Protein backbone atom coordinates (compact mmCIF):
# COMPACT_ATOMS: atom_id res chain seq x y z
CA MET A 1 25.42 -0.25 -30.05
CA THR A 2 23.40 0.42 -26.95
CA THR A 3 24.37 3.74 -25.31
CA PRO A 4 23.10 5.73 -22.19
CA SER A 5 22.37 8.66 -24.45
CA SER A 6 18.65 7.69 -24.85
CA PRO A 7 16.50 6.93 -21.80
CA SER A 8 15.49 3.40 -21.31
CA SER A 9 11.94 4.05 -20.67
CA PRO A 10 9.82 4.21 -24.02
CA ALA A 11 7.20 6.46 -22.47
CA SER A 12 9.70 8.93 -21.24
CA SER A 13 11.79 9.20 -24.49
CA GLY A 14 8.89 9.36 -27.09
CA LEU A 15 10.20 5.91 -28.54
CA THR A 16 7.56 3.23 -29.34
CA ALA A 17 8.00 -0.52 -28.47
CA ASP A 18 9.45 -0.76 -31.92
CA ALA A 19 12.73 0.59 -30.75
CA ALA A 20 13.59 -2.60 -29.09
CA ALA A 21 13.29 -4.50 -32.47
CA PRO A 22 16.58 -6.02 -33.89
CA PRO A 23 18.46 -3.94 -36.42
CA GLY A 24 17.34 -4.50 -39.97
CA CYS A 25 13.81 -5.38 -39.57
CA PRO A 26 10.99 -3.07 -40.63
CA ALA A 27 9.98 -2.26 -36.95
CA HIS A 28 13.63 -1.17 -36.40
CA ARG A 29 13.70 1.02 -39.44
CA GLY A 30 10.24 2.57 -38.29
CA ALA A 31 11.57 3.57 -34.95
CA SER A 32 14.04 5.88 -36.50
CA LEU A 33 11.19 7.94 -37.72
CA GLY A 34 8.83 10.12 -35.61
CA ALA A 35 5.69 12.37 -36.10
CA GLY A 36 5.37 13.55 -39.59
CA GLY A 37 8.08 10.99 -40.85
CA LEU A 38 10.74 13.18 -39.46
CA ARG A 39 14.13 11.55 -38.63
CA ARG A 40 14.97 11.12 -34.86
CA LEU A 41 18.47 12.17 -33.73
CA TYR A 42 18.36 9.69 -30.83
CA GLY A 43 17.38 6.04 -30.72
CA PRO A 44 18.76 3.00 -32.31
CA GLU A 45 19.58 4.27 -35.81
CA ALA A 46 21.25 7.46 -34.47
CA ASP A 47 23.02 5.67 -31.54
CA GLU A 48 24.53 3.38 -34.32
CA ASP A 49 25.51 6.04 -36.93
CA LEU A 50 24.34 9.63 -36.11
CA ALA A 51 26.76 10.84 -38.88
CA GLY A 52 24.90 8.60 -41.43
CA VAL A 53 21.58 10.17 -40.25
CA TYR A 54 22.79 13.55 -40.82
CA GLU A 55 23.92 12.71 -44.34
CA LYS A 56 20.42 11.19 -45.06
CA LEU A 57 18.93 14.48 -43.83
CA ARG A 58 21.33 16.50 -46.10
CA ALA A 59 20.33 14.46 -49.11
CA GLU A 60 16.59 14.67 -48.31
CA HIS A 61 16.38 18.41 -47.26
CA GLY A 62 19.72 20.26 -47.95
CA PRO A 63 21.90 22.22 -45.36
CA VAL A 64 18.89 22.78 -42.97
CA ALA A 65 16.63 19.81 -42.22
CA PRO A 66 13.76 19.38 -39.87
CA ALA A 67 14.40 16.60 -37.17
CA LEU A 68 13.34 15.26 -33.75
CA ILE A 69 15.17 15.15 -30.38
CA HIS A 70 14.30 13.33 -27.26
CA ASN A 71 10.64 13.08 -26.61
CA ASP A 72 10.09 13.84 -30.40
CA VAL A 73 10.72 17.59 -29.89
CA ARG A 74 11.08 19.05 -33.26
CA VAL A 75 14.14 21.10 -34.18
CA TRP A 76 15.74 22.46 -37.27
CA ALA A 77 19.27 20.46 -37.74
CA VAL A 78 21.60 22.98 -39.34
CA LEU A 79 24.15 20.92 -41.55
CA GLY A 80 25.79 23.34 -43.79
CA HIS A 81 29.06 24.99 -42.76
CA SER A 82 28.10 28.52 -43.99
CA GLU A 83 24.48 28.17 -42.57
CA ASN A 84 26.00 27.28 -39.14
CA LEU A 85 28.32 30.29 -39.05
CA HIS A 86 25.34 32.46 -40.30
CA MET A 87 23.33 31.41 -37.45
CA VAL A 88 25.88 31.71 -34.57
CA ARG A 89 26.98 35.18 -36.00
CA THR A 90 23.77 36.83 -36.40
CA PRO A 91 22.34 37.64 -32.83
CA SER A 92 19.65 39.66 -34.24
CA GLN A 93 17.85 36.79 -35.55
CA TYR A 94 18.87 33.77 -33.44
CA THR A 95 19.38 33.59 -29.63
CA ARG A 96 20.84 31.11 -27.15
CA ASP A 97 18.01 32.14 -24.57
CA SER A 98 15.67 29.12 -24.65
CA ARG A 99 12.88 30.75 -22.86
CA VAL A 100 11.83 31.88 -26.46
CA TRP A 101 11.62 28.35 -27.60
CA SER A 102 8.02 27.15 -28.35
CA ALA A 103 8.79 23.79 -27.02
CA VAL A 104 9.76 25.16 -23.69
CA LYS A 105 6.68 27.58 -23.68
CA ASN A 106 4.18 24.60 -24.37
CA GLY A 107 6.00 22.35 -21.99
CA THR A 108 7.18 19.56 -24.47
CA ALA A 109 10.80 20.65 -23.55
CA GLY A 110 10.25 21.04 -19.94
CA PRO A 111 12.51 20.68 -16.98
CA ASP A 112 12.07 16.63 -16.86
CA HIS A 113 13.41 16.57 -20.48
CA PRO A 114 16.77 14.43 -20.77
CA LEU A 115 18.60 17.28 -22.28
CA ALA A 116 17.31 20.00 -19.90
CA PRO A 117 20.58 20.44 -18.25
CA VAL A 118 21.90 21.51 -21.48
CA PHE A 119 19.28 23.92 -22.99
CA THR A 120 17.56 25.33 -19.71
CA TRP A 121 18.16 28.91 -19.26
CA GLN A 122 20.62 29.72 -16.69
CA PRO A 123 22.19 33.10 -15.50
CA MET A 124 25.20 32.84 -17.58
CA CYS A 125 26.91 34.28 -20.65
CA SER A 126 26.25 31.35 -23.11
CA PHE A 127 22.39 32.01 -22.53
CA ALA A 128 22.57 35.78 -22.46
CA GLU A 129 22.39 38.32 -25.16
CA GLY A 130 23.31 42.14 -25.57
CA ALA A 131 24.52 44.02 -22.65
CA GLU A 132 23.84 41.26 -20.21
CA HIS A 133 25.96 39.02 -22.53
CA GLN A 134 28.79 41.48 -22.50
CA ARG A 135 28.79 41.85 -18.76
CA LEU A 136 28.90 37.97 -18.02
CA ARG A 137 31.14 37.15 -20.87
CA GLY A 138 33.40 39.96 -19.78
CA ALA A 139 33.94 38.65 -16.48
CA VAL A 140 34.88 35.22 -17.83
CA THR A 141 37.37 36.48 -20.33
CA GLY A 142 38.64 38.90 -17.85
CA ALA A 143 39.36 36.09 -15.36
CA MET A 144 40.94 33.94 -18.12
CA ALA A 145 43.23 36.61 -19.11
CA GLY A 146 44.99 36.32 -15.86
CA LEU A 147 45.87 32.69 -16.02
CA ASP A 148 49.35 31.70 -16.37
CA HIS A 149 49.36 29.51 -19.29
CA ARG A 150 52.96 28.46 -19.02
CA GLY A 151 52.11 27.44 -15.45
CA ILE A 152 49.23 25.45 -16.55
CA ARG A 153 51.31 23.52 -19.08
CA ARG A 154 53.74 22.60 -16.04
CA HIS A 155 50.65 21.17 -14.31
CA ILE A 156 49.53 19.41 -17.36
CA ASN A 157 52.93 17.74 -17.55
CA ARG A 158 52.91 16.84 -13.94
CA TYR A 159 49.36 15.35 -14.07
CA SER A 160 50.15 13.51 -17.28
CA ASN A 161 53.25 11.97 -15.65
CA LYS A 162 51.15 11.09 -12.73
CA LEU A 163 48.69 9.16 -14.76
CA LEU A 164 51.42 7.55 -16.87
CA ASN A 165 53.24 6.41 -13.81
CA SER A 166 50.14 4.56 -12.74
CA ILE A 167 50.28 2.38 -15.82
CA CYS A 168 53.73 2.38 -17.07
CA GLU A 169 54.99 -0.62 -15.03
CA LYS A 170 52.06 -2.74 -16.14
CA GLY A 171 52.78 -2.77 -19.79
CA GLU A 172 49.15 -2.27 -20.82
CA ALA A 173 46.30 0.00 -20.25
CA ASP A 174 43.03 1.63 -21.41
CA LEU A 175 43.84 5.02 -22.72
CA VAL A 176 40.42 6.28 -22.33
CA SER A 177 39.46 5.26 -18.90
CA GLN A 178 42.97 5.61 -17.47
CA PHE A 179 44.23 8.63 -19.23
CA ALA A 180 41.90 10.72 -21.49
CA GLU A 181 38.79 10.78 -19.04
CA HIS A 182 40.90 11.75 -16.11
CA LEU A 183 43.68 14.33 -17.42
CA PRO A 184 41.24 17.22 -18.29
CA MET A 185 39.35 16.75 -14.99
CA MET A 186 42.56 17.02 -13.10
CA VAL A 187 43.74 19.98 -14.93
CA MET A 188 40.44 21.79 -14.84
CA LEU A 189 39.97 21.31 -11.16
CA HIS A 190 43.27 22.77 -10.54
CA VAL A 191 42.69 25.70 -12.71
CA LEU A 192 39.50 26.39 -10.84
CA GLY A 193 41.26 26.01 -7.48
CA MET A 194 39.55 22.82 -6.35
CA PRO A 195 41.88 19.73 -6.80
CA GLU A 196 40.58 18.18 -3.50
CA ASP A 197 37.18 17.63 -5.44
CA TYR A 198 38.68 15.51 -7.93
CA SER A 199 37.41 11.97 -7.89
CA ASP A 200 35.95 9.15 -10.17
CA ARG A 201 32.51 10.40 -9.18
CA MET A 202 33.19 13.83 -10.43
CA VAL A 203 34.56 12.37 -13.69
CA GLN A 204 31.48 10.14 -14.38
CA ALA A 205 29.00 12.89 -13.30
CA ALA A 206 30.77 15.31 -15.76
CA ARG A 207 30.20 12.74 -18.59
CA ASP A 208 26.83 11.74 -17.58
CA MET A 209 25.13 15.08 -17.34
CA ILE A 210 25.34 16.08 -21.11
CA LYS A 211 24.23 12.42 -22.51
CA GLY A 212 20.57 12.89 -21.99
CA THR A 213 20.44 9.93 -19.68
CA GLU A 214 17.76 9.42 -16.92
CA THR A 215 20.54 10.15 -14.36
CA ALA A 216 21.64 13.49 -16.09
CA ILE A 217 19.60 15.81 -13.81
CA ALA A 218 20.98 14.00 -10.54
CA SER A 219 24.62 14.31 -11.93
CA ASN A 220 24.12 17.94 -12.72
CA ALA A 221 22.98 18.47 -9.19
CA TYR A 222 26.04 16.67 -7.77
CA VAL A 223 28.45 18.90 -9.86
CA MET A 224 26.62 22.17 -9.00
CA GLU A 225 26.73 21.28 -5.24
CA ALA A 226 30.47 20.93 -5.35
CA LEU A 227 30.89 24.25 -7.12
CA THR A 228 28.68 26.05 -4.90
CA ARG A 229 30.63 24.91 -1.93
CA HIS A 230 33.80 26.09 -3.77
CA VAL A 231 32.40 29.61 -4.36
CA VAL A 232 31.61 30.05 -0.68
CA ARG A 233 35.12 28.93 0.26
CA ARG A 234 36.81 31.20 -2.27
CA ARG A 235 34.72 34.28 -1.17
CA ALA A 236 35.92 33.77 2.35
CA GLN A 237 39.51 32.93 1.34
CA PRO A 238 40.65 33.73 -2.15
CA GLU A 239 43.38 32.17 -3.66
CA GLU A 240 45.49 32.56 -7.01
CA ASP A 241 43.06 30.43 -9.24
CA PHE A 242 40.34 31.09 -11.76
CA THR A 243 37.47 31.10 -9.21
CA SER A 244 39.17 33.84 -7.28
CA ALA A 245 39.80 35.92 -10.36
CA LEU A 246 36.29 35.48 -11.52
CA ILE A 247 34.93 36.80 -7.99
CA ALA A 248 37.38 39.80 -8.27
CA GLN A 249 36.04 40.88 -11.65
CA PRO A 250 34.37 44.47 -11.63
CA GLN A 251 31.14 42.80 -12.93
CA GLN A 252 30.56 41.42 -9.25
CA LEU A 253 28.77 38.12 -10.14
CA THR A 254 26.29 36.59 -7.78
CA ASP A 255 26.85 33.24 -6.09
CA ASP A 256 24.46 31.73 -8.52
CA GLU A 257 26.29 33.25 -11.51
CA MET A 258 29.41 32.17 -10.19
CA ALA A 259 28.65 28.58 -9.85
CA GLU A 260 26.85 28.48 -13.25
CA HIS A 261 29.90 29.99 -15.02
CA LEU A 262 32.32 27.48 -13.22
CA ARG A 263 30.21 24.59 -14.32
CA LEU A 264 30.14 26.06 -17.97
CA VAL A 265 33.92 26.26 -17.83
CA LEU A 266 34.46 22.89 -16.08
CA ILE A 267 32.16 20.69 -18.15
CA ALA A 268 32.62 22.23 -21.65
CA ALA A 269 36.61 22.05 -21.35
CA TYR A 270 36.26 18.61 -19.84
CA GLU A 271 34.18 16.80 -22.12
CA ALA A 272 35.48 18.37 -25.24
CA THR A 273 39.02 17.64 -24.07
CA ALA A 274 38.55 14.07 -23.03
CA ASN A 275 37.15 13.23 -26.40
CA LEU A 276 39.72 15.03 -28.28
CA ILE A 277 42.67 13.28 -26.49
CA ALA A 278 40.98 9.95 -26.97
CA ASN A 279 40.35 10.81 -30.78
CA VAL A 280 44.00 11.99 -31.37
CA LEU A 281 45.37 8.88 -29.83
CA ARG A 282 43.11 6.74 -31.77
CA MET A 283 44.27 8.29 -34.99
CA VAL A 284 47.80 7.98 -34.05
CA LEU A 285 47.39 4.25 -33.15
CA THR A 286 45.33 3.15 -36.08
CA ASP A 287 46.68 5.36 -39.09
CA PRO A 288 50.20 4.33 -40.09
CA ARG A 289 50.58 7.49 -42.04
CA PHE A 290 49.38 9.67 -39.34
CA ARG A 291 52.01 8.17 -37.03
CA ALA A 292 54.61 8.27 -39.50
CA GLN A 293 54.06 12.10 -40.12
CA LEU A 294 54.40 12.63 -36.29
CA SER A 295 57.40 10.47 -36.00
CA GLY A 296 59.09 11.93 -39.02
CA GLY A 297 58.55 15.66 -38.18
CA GLN A 298 56.09 16.27 -41.06
CA MET A 299 53.45 17.01 -38.49
CA THR A 300 53.35 18.40 -34.84
CA VAL A 301 51.17 17.21 -32.14
CA PRO A 302 49.34 20.49 -32.34
CA GLU A 303 48.71 20.04 -35.99
CA ALA A 304 47.45 16.63 -35.25
CA VAL A 305 45.04 17.99 -32.58
CA GLU A 306 43.74 20.48 -35.13
CA GLN A 307 43.18 17.80 -37.83
CA SER A 308 41.27 15.68 -35.28
CA LEU A 309 39.06 18.92 -34.61
CA TRP A 310 38.02 18.85 -38.20
CA ASP A 311 37.43 15.09 -38.52
CA GLU A 312 36.03 14.02 -35.06
CA PRO A 313 35.06 17.24 -33.13
CA PRO A 314 34.70 16.61 -29.51
CA PHE A 315 31.05 18.12 -29.45
CA SER A 316 29.12 16.78 -32.51
CA ALA A 317 26.16 19.33 -32.09
CA MET A 318 24.86 21.75 -29.70
CA VAL A 319 21.34 22.32 -28.38
CA GLY A 320 20.68 24.97 -29.24
CA TYR A 321 19.72 28.23 -31.07
CA PHE A 322 16.52 29.62 -31.14
CA ALA A 323 14.62 32.04 -33.81
CA LYS A 324 13.78 35.56 -32.65
CA GLN A 325 11.58 36.28 -35.66
CA ASP A 326 10.50 34.70 -38.89
CA THR A 327 13.42 34.12 -41.15
CA GLN A 328 14.91 31.86 -43.88
CA LEU A 329 17.94 29.72 -43.44
CA GLY A 330 19.34 27.24 -46.03
CA GLY A 331 16.24 27.46 -48.17
CA GLN A 332 13.95 26.67 -45.08
CA GLN A 333 11.37 29.01 -43.56
CA ILE A 334 12.17 29.31 -39.91
CA LYS A 335 9.41 30.58 -37.62
CA ALA A 336 9.91 32.65 -34.39
CA GLY A 337 10.40 30.43 -31.46
CA ASP A 338 11.61 27.48 -33.54
CA GLY A 339 14.64 25.49 -32.16
CA LEU A 340 17.83 24.89 -34.19
CA LEU A 341 20.67 22.50 -33.58
CA LEU A 342 24.02 23.73 -34.31
CA GLY A 343 25.62 20.95 -36.21
CA ILE A 344 29.32 20.92 -35.63
CA GLN A 345 30.17 17.46 -36.91
CA PRO A 346 27.97 17.65 -40.16
CA GLY A 347 29.11 21.31 -40.82
CA ASN A 348 32.79 20.08 -40.71
CA VAL A 349 32.19 17.62 -43.49
CA ASP A 350 29.91 19.76 -45.50
CA PRO A 351 30.86 18.86 -49.19
CA VAL A 352 30.68 22.63 -50.12
CA VAL A 353 33.85 23.37 -47.90
CA ARG A 354 35.29 19.86 -47.92
CA PRO A 355 34.66 18.05 -51.35
CA ASP A 356 37.50 15.88 -50.39
CA LEU A 357 37.43 14.60 -46.88
CA ALA A 358 40.93 12.92 -47.11
CA ALA A 359 42.59 16.14 -47.83
CA ASN A 360 45.01 17.46 -45.21
CA MET A 361 43.50 20.22 -42.98
CA GLN A 362 46.64 21.19 -41.16
CA GLY A 363 46.99 24.74 -40.25
CA ASN A 364 43.21 25.48 -41.06
CA ARG A 365 41.12 26.63 -37.98
CA SER A 366 37.92 27.46 -39.66
CA HIS A 367 36.12 24.27 -38.29
CA LEU A 368 33.19 24.55 -36.06
CA ALA A 369 34.49 22.57 -33.07
CA PHE A 370 34.54 25.73 -30.98
CA SER A 371 31.36 27.38 -32.29
CA GLY A 372 31.68 30.87 -33.48
CA GLY A 373 30.19 34.43 -33.18
CA PRO A 374 29.56 35.90 -29.65
CA HIS A 375 29.37 32.61 -28.07
CA GLU A 376 32.47 31.05 -29.40
CA CYS A 377 34.25 28.88 -26.68
CA PRO A 378 36.49 31.26 -24.52
CA GLY A 379 38.54 28.44 -22.98
CA GLN A 380 39.48 26.66 -26.40
CA ASP A 381 43.28 27.39 -25.63
CA ILE A 382 43.31 25.56 -22.60
CA GLY A 383 41.64 22.60 -24.04
CA ARG A 384 44.19 22.60 -26.93
CA ALA A 385 47.03 22.87 -24.32
CA ILE A 386 45.71 20.08 -22.44
CA ALA A 387 45.33 17.75 -25.54
CA ASP A 388 48.72 18.61 -27.16
CA THR A 389 50.75 18.55 -23.96
CA GLY A 390 49.09 15.27 -22.62
CA VAL A 391 49.41 13.47 -25.98
CA ASP A 392 53.02 14.62 -26.42
CA ALA A 393 53.85 13.45 -22.99
CA LEU A 394 52.41 9.98 -23.52
CA LEU A 395 54.06 9.44 -26.91
CA MET A 396 57.43 10.63 -25.36
CA ARG A 397 57.07 8.13 -22.32
CA LEU A 398 55.55 5.34 -24.33
CA PRO A 399 57.06 5.51 -27.87
CA ASP A 400 56.42 1.86 -28.54
CA VAL A 401 52.70 1.93 -27.54
CA GLU A 402 50.39 -0.19 -29.88
CA LEU A 403 46.81 -0.95 -30.10
CA SER A 404 46.13 -4.26 -28.36
CA VAL A 405 42.89 -5.13 -30.10
CA ASP A 406 41.82 -5.20 -33.69
CA GLU A 407 40.71 -1.64 -34.82
CA SER A 408 37.10 -3.03 -35.70
CA GLU A 409 36.76 -4.14 -32.10
CA LEU A 410 36.77 -0.41 -30.81
CA ALA A 411 33.38 1.00 -29.77
CA TRP A 412 31.80 4.30 -29.27
CA ARG A 413 29.03 5.73 -27.05
CA SER A 414 26.87 8.45 -28.92
CA SER A 415 24.48 11.00 -28.17
CA ILE A 416 23.14 14.27 -30.02
CA LEU A 417 25.83 16.25 -28.27
CA SER A 418 29.06 13.98 -28.64
CA ARG A 419 30.59 10.69 -29.61
CA HIS A 420 33.40 9.11 -27.65
CA LEU A 421 35.41 6.08 -27.52
CA VAL A 422 34.38 3.51 -24.95
CA SER A 423 38.02 2.13 -24.53
CA LEU A 424 41.39 2.43 -26.33
CA PRO A 425 43.29 -0.74 -25.11
CA VAL A 426 46.97 -0.66 -25.79
CA ALA A 427 50.20 -2.58 -24.79
CA PHE A 428 53.73 -1.30 -24.57
CA GLY A 429 57.12 -2.10 -22.92
CA LYS A 430 57.19 -1.94 -19.12
CA ARG A 431 58.86 1.04 -17.63
CA PRO A 432 59.80 2.39 -14.18
CA PRO A 433 57.83 5.41 -12.98
CA GLN A 434 59.25 8.91 -13.54
CA ASP A 435 59.44 12.05 -11.37
CA VAL A 436 56.03 13.72 -12.08
CA THR A 437 57.72 17.28 -12.14
CA ALA A 438 60.20 16.24 -14.68
CA ARG A 439 59.97 16.79 -18.57
CA PRO A 440 58.67 13.31 -20.10
CA VAL A 441 61.65 11.47 -21.05
CA ALA A 442 61.49 8.97 -24.13
CA GLN A 443 62.67 5.52 -23.16
CA VAL A 444 63.42 3.92 -26.44
CA PRO A 445 64.25 0.14 -26.37
CA THR A 446 68.16 -0.47 -26.50
CA PRO A 447 69.17 -1.25 -30.00
CA ARG A 448 70.39 -4.80 -30.43
CA LYS A 449 74.27 -5.18 -30.38
CA SER A 450 74.59 -8.57 -31.90
CA TRP A 451 72.89 -9.74 -34.99
CA GLU A 452 73.00 -13.27 -36.47
CA VAL A 453 73.10 -13.44 -40.11
CA SER A 454 72.36 -16.99 -41.58
CA SER A 455 73.12 -16.30 -45.30
CA PRO A 456 76.89 -15.81 -46.39
CA MET A 457 78.08 -12.63 -47.86
CA PRO A 458 78.74 -12.83 -51.60
CA GLU A 459 82.58 -13.06 -52.23
CA ALA A 460 82.38 -9.96 -54.45
CA LEU A 461 81.25 -7.94 -51.64
CA ALA A 462 83.48 -9.65 -49.00
CA PRO A 463 85.85 -7.27 -47.34
CA PRO A 464 89.74 -7.83 -47.87
CA ALA A 465 91.35 -9.73 -45.18
CA ALA A 466 92.77 -7.55 -42.44
CA PRO A 467 96.36 -6.95 -42.24
CA GLU A 468 98.43 -8.42 -39.20
CA PRO A 469 98.39 -6.03 -36.38
CA GLN A 470 101.81 -4.17 -35.87
CA PRO A 471 102.88 -3.16 -32.30
CA VAL A 472 102.61 0.63 -31.86
CA ALA A 473 103.55 3.00 -29.15
CA SER A 474 100.54 3.54 -26.65
CA ALA A 475 98.79 6.80 -27.46
CA PRO A 476 97.01 9.09 -25.04
CA ALA A 477 93.32 8.47 -24.59
CA ALA A 478 91.02 10.41 -26.89
CA ALA A 479 89.22 13.47 -25.42
CA PRO A 480 85.61 12.84 -24.88
CA ALA A 481 83.26 14.26 -27.57
CA PRO A 482 81.83 17.60 -26.59
CA VAL A 483 78.20 17.64 -25.64
CA ARG A 484 76.03 19.14 -28.32
CA ARG A 485 74.18 22.14 -27.14
CA LYS A 486 70.37 22.23 -27.84
CA GLY A 487 69.05 24.32 -30.63
CA ALA A 488 67.33 27.77 -30.08
CA TRP A 489 64.08 26.18 -31.41
CA ARG A 490 64.16 23.08 -29.11
CA ARG A 491 65.13 25.19 -26.10
CA PHE A 492 62.02 27.57 -27.03
CA LEU A 493 59.65 24.63 -27.20
CA GLU A 494 60.71 23.12 -23.79
CA TRP A 495 60.35 26.73 -22.44
CA TRP A 496 56.98 27.30 -23.83
CA ARG A 497 55.62 23.64 -22.74
CA GLY A 498 56.68 24.52 -19.16
CA TYR A 499 59.63 22.01 -18.91
């Protein structure tokens, strides 16, 4: 599968001409290895099965393995669950500040590197340490503390209904391009206070800038320009939104710091949630047991979301962490200035913590999907709310939704950072639009009233003949059955979800 995650120019990506060789030939296998025989985490083999590359690295080197990212820049791929947690929780040994990275110092990971928008140092909390990290992180968490989460769920419900109204009369849709990719952007731009900037261009730029493509830098510039304009607007005219709350924090962030943190919140929440929604819907549509558990009440949508965070985390890895000093990790000698890859996906399937990958992980939140330590994702609750409310609304509105292609026809785009579905085509019964401000209402097909049975009933089971009817005095009409009042738990769920 060809993906936009690797540059098309061999010279710019570190690939040789062998990369164009067909799969299975010796040249193709050689293209997956770089200098010193190290495995590449990009290129043909990685695009086809990056999880398989991680497992090869685990078998060859253990929980921490040497590998290559774009332009054949060397990093340590951290594959073990406990090793990843140790790295993110030990700021005395590892930092997110890429300025200490040897590859940045010698220019091999310069500003023109395909992943530069991801690892280049910026004045924001995810790259800061110590007191500066506390200052910037405190501003972000302070602004988030003031968000009305019930109000946000109401808006998620409204945007979900709006998207579903655009497809419900057609009876078919692509749930990736028409739902999963748009709902998180609509919600996050509303949270930031810039719904007028919502567009297909913003959606595509957000997906493009983290893939390591040749257009990633231009997409990053487009997003930053929109965010910078918004900061200027909100300084002049504050509103009740996250941006205004961030401006009002006592840390007094500069315009550059404001724009960088808005990008961090927008892009991280958008990409993670878009992938999460698509992954949960795919599991519901392709795994009968999974759907049966949801339908039968043995599993809630939030529990389904959590299971997906284990099996298919929205971000498969993060570039990166950097060693402050010589140290050891997973049996490997790490030198000061070395770069390390936070291996979220391989850490989640580490056989040490998950010897049986088929085991149910409901209720277990010890996955690495939101990282950990001082840099753990501060907006993870918003992402969860968008995913479980959006998926719940879709399944309520379209209870008969089914995959319209064979599961084997589904395709993914992969990069070092994430893996997401290209499309999820479905079919369902056509329905009229619904008020976007209303609670999603299930519209189950009307049960059949007449049945034709071709085989006669056995005589032994045949009912006795009905007696002749006798005239009786007319009786008063029966009183209508009382309407059953909703239980306390149902009323609480509807209140919590903002209905």
